[in-house]
Amino acid sequence: MHAVSLLRSKGVAFQEINAPHGSAERGEAIRRSGSRTVPQTFVDGKGLGGCDDLMALDRAGRLDALLGKV
């Protein structure tokens, strides 16, 4: 499962920003997250990490609270 699929399965509204290599959007995601990988997920300006991080948060039962679903 990818980050977008996971967020859709949670029923939360989100904005997906295309960030191809070398784009300003990719640079901004890297700057804001401190990570050199994309995608990166942010909720209310707070970085949650990449896809693996989202999956780990979900497995640990912590993602819903971070998404405001509880």
C-alpha atoms as a PDB file:
ATOM      1  CA  MET A   1       0.000   0.000   0.000  1.00  0.00           C
ATOM      2  CA  HIS A   2       1.223   3.483  -0.796  1.00  0.00           C
ATOM      3  CA  ALA A   3       0.813   6.629   1.301  1.00  0.00           C
ATOM      4  CA  VAL A   4      -1.993   7.959  -0.917  1.00  0.00           C
ATOM      5  CA  SER A   5      -3.885   4.663  -0.702  1.00  0.00           C
ATOM      6  CA  LEU A   6      -3.507   4.593   3.068  1.00  0.00           C
ATOM      7  CA  LEU A   7      -4.788   8.151   3.449  1.00  0.00           C
ATOM      8  CA  ARG A   8      -7.724   7.418   1.137  1.00  0.00           C
ATOM      9  CA  SER A   9      -8.566   4.311   3.159  1.00  0.00           C
ATOM     10  CA  LYS A  10      -8.664   6.516   6.265  1.00  0.00           C
ATOM     11  CA  GLY A  11     -11.194   8.819   4.600  1.00  0.00           C
ATOM     12  CA  VAL A  12      -9.219  11.975   5.300  1.00  0.00           C
ATOM     13  CA  ALA A  13      -9.034  14.944   2.976  1.00  0.00           C
ATOM     14  CA  PHE A  14      -5.533  15.646   1.739  1.00  0.00           C
ATOM     15  CA  GLN A  15      -3.696  17.547  -0.938  1.00  0.00           C
ATOM     16  CA  GLU A  16      -1.301  15.585  -3.103  1.00  0.00           C
ATOM     17  CA  ILE A  17       1.483  17.738  -4.529  1.00  0.00           C
ATOM     18  CA  ASN A  18       3.443  16.431  -7.484  1.00  0.00           C
ATOM     19  CA  ALA A  19       7.144  16.910  -6.708  1.00  0.00           C
ATOM     20  CA  PRO A  20       9.304  15.650  -9.574  1.00  0.00           C
ATOM     21  CA  HIS A  21      13.070  15.518  -9.204  1.00  0.00           C
ATOM     22  CA  GLY A  22      14.561  18.999  -9.340  1.00  0.00           C
ATOM     23  CA  SER A  23      11.259  20.810  -8.744  1.00  0.00           C
ATOM     24  CA  ALA A  24      10.686  23.596  -6.241  1.00  0.00           C
ATOM     25  CA  GLU A  25       7.995  21.450  -4.605  1.00  0.00           C
ATOM     26  CA  ARG A  26      10.446  18.612  -4.015  1.00  0.00           C
ATOM     27  CA  GLY A  27      12.999  21.042  -2.595  1.00  0.00           C
ATOM     28  CA  GLU A  28      10.375  22.457  -0.243  1.00  0.00           C
ATOM     29  CA  ALA A  29       9.345  18.977   0.957  1.00  0.00           C
ATOM     30  CA  ILE A  30      12.984  18.108   1.623  1.00  0.00           C
ATOM     31  CA  ARG A  31      13.608  21.404   3.408  1.00  0.00           C
ATOM     32  CA  ARG A  32      10.504  21.114   5.593  1.00  0.00           C
ATOM     33  CA  SER A  33      10.939  17.446   6.468  1.00  0.00           C
ATOM     34  CA  GLY A  34      14.707  17.257   6.795  1.00  0.00           C
ATOM     35  CA  SER A  35      14.523  14.037   4.770  1.00  0.00           C
ATOM     36  CA  ARG A  36      15.877  13.545   1.277  1.00  0.00           C
ATOM     37  CA  THR A  37      13.104  11.151   0.275  1.00  0.00           C
ATOM     38  CA  VAL A  38       9.649  11.865  -1.063  1.00  0.00           C
ATOM     39  CA  PRO A  39       6.775  11.513  -0.598  1.00  0.00           C
ATOM     40  CA  GLN A  40       6.603  13.241   2.747  1.00  0.00           C
ATOM     41  CA  THR A  41       3.374  13.658   4.673  1.00  0.00           C
ATOM     42  CA  PHE A  42       2.515  16.749   6.693  1.00  0.00           C
ATOM     43  CA  VAL A  43      -0.489  17.284   8.959  1.00  0.00           C
ATOM     44  CA  ASP A  44      -1.133  20.840  10.112  1.00  0.00           C
ATOM     45  CA  GLY A  45       2.436  21.703   9.118  1.00  0.00           C
ATOM     46  CA  LYS A  46       3.974  18.870  11.144  1.00  0.00           C
ATOM     47  CA  GLY A  47       5.972  16.280   9.225  1.00  0.00           C
ATOM     48  CA  LEU A  48       4.904  12.684   9.800  1.00  0.00           C
ATOM     49  CA  GLY A  49       7.517  11.206   7.491  1.00  0.00           C
ATOM     50  CA  GLY A  50       7.419   9.135   4.364  1.00  0.00           C
ATOM     51  CA  CYS A  51       5.337   6.162   3.337  1.00  0.00           C
ATOM     52  CA  ASP A  52       7.184   3.682   5.571  1.00  0.00           C
ATOM     53  CA  ASP A  53       6.713   6.028   8.520  1.00  0.00           C
ATOM     54  CA  LEU A  54       2.968   6.320   7.856  1.00  0.00           C
ATOM     55  CA  MET A  55       2.645   2.546   7.635  1.00  0.00           C
ATOM     56  CA  ALA A  56       4.535   2.118  10.915  1.00  0.00           C
ATOM     57  CA  LEU A  57       2.335   4.715  12.630  1.00  0.00           C
ATOM     58  CA  ASP A  58      -0.755   2.910  11.359  1.00  0.00           C
ATOM     59  CA  ARG A  59       0.494  -0.504  12.526  1.00  0.00           C
ATOM     60  CA  ALA A  60       1.240   1.002  15.945  1.00  0.00           C
ATOM     61  CA  GLY A  61      -2.302   2.411  16.130  1.00  0.00           C
ATOM     62  CA  ARG A  62      -1.072   6.009  16.266  1.00  0.00           C
ATOM     63  CA  LEU A  63      -1.909   7.322  12.795  1.00  0.00           C
ATOM     64  CA  ASP A  64      -5.631   7.922  13.320  1.00  0.00           C
ATOM     65  CA  ALA A  65      -4.991  10.259  16.251  1.00  0.00           C
ATOM     66  CA  LEU A  66      -2.416  12.214  14.241  1.00  0.00           C
ATOM     67  CA  LEU A  67      -4.919  12.530  11.404  1.00  0.00           C
ATOM     68  CA  GLY A  68      -7.613  13.747  13.794  1.00  0.00           C
ATOM     69  CA  LYS A  69      -9.696  10.609  13.284  1.00  0.00           C
ATOM     70  CA  VAL A  70     -10.259   9.792  16.970  1.00  0.00           C
END
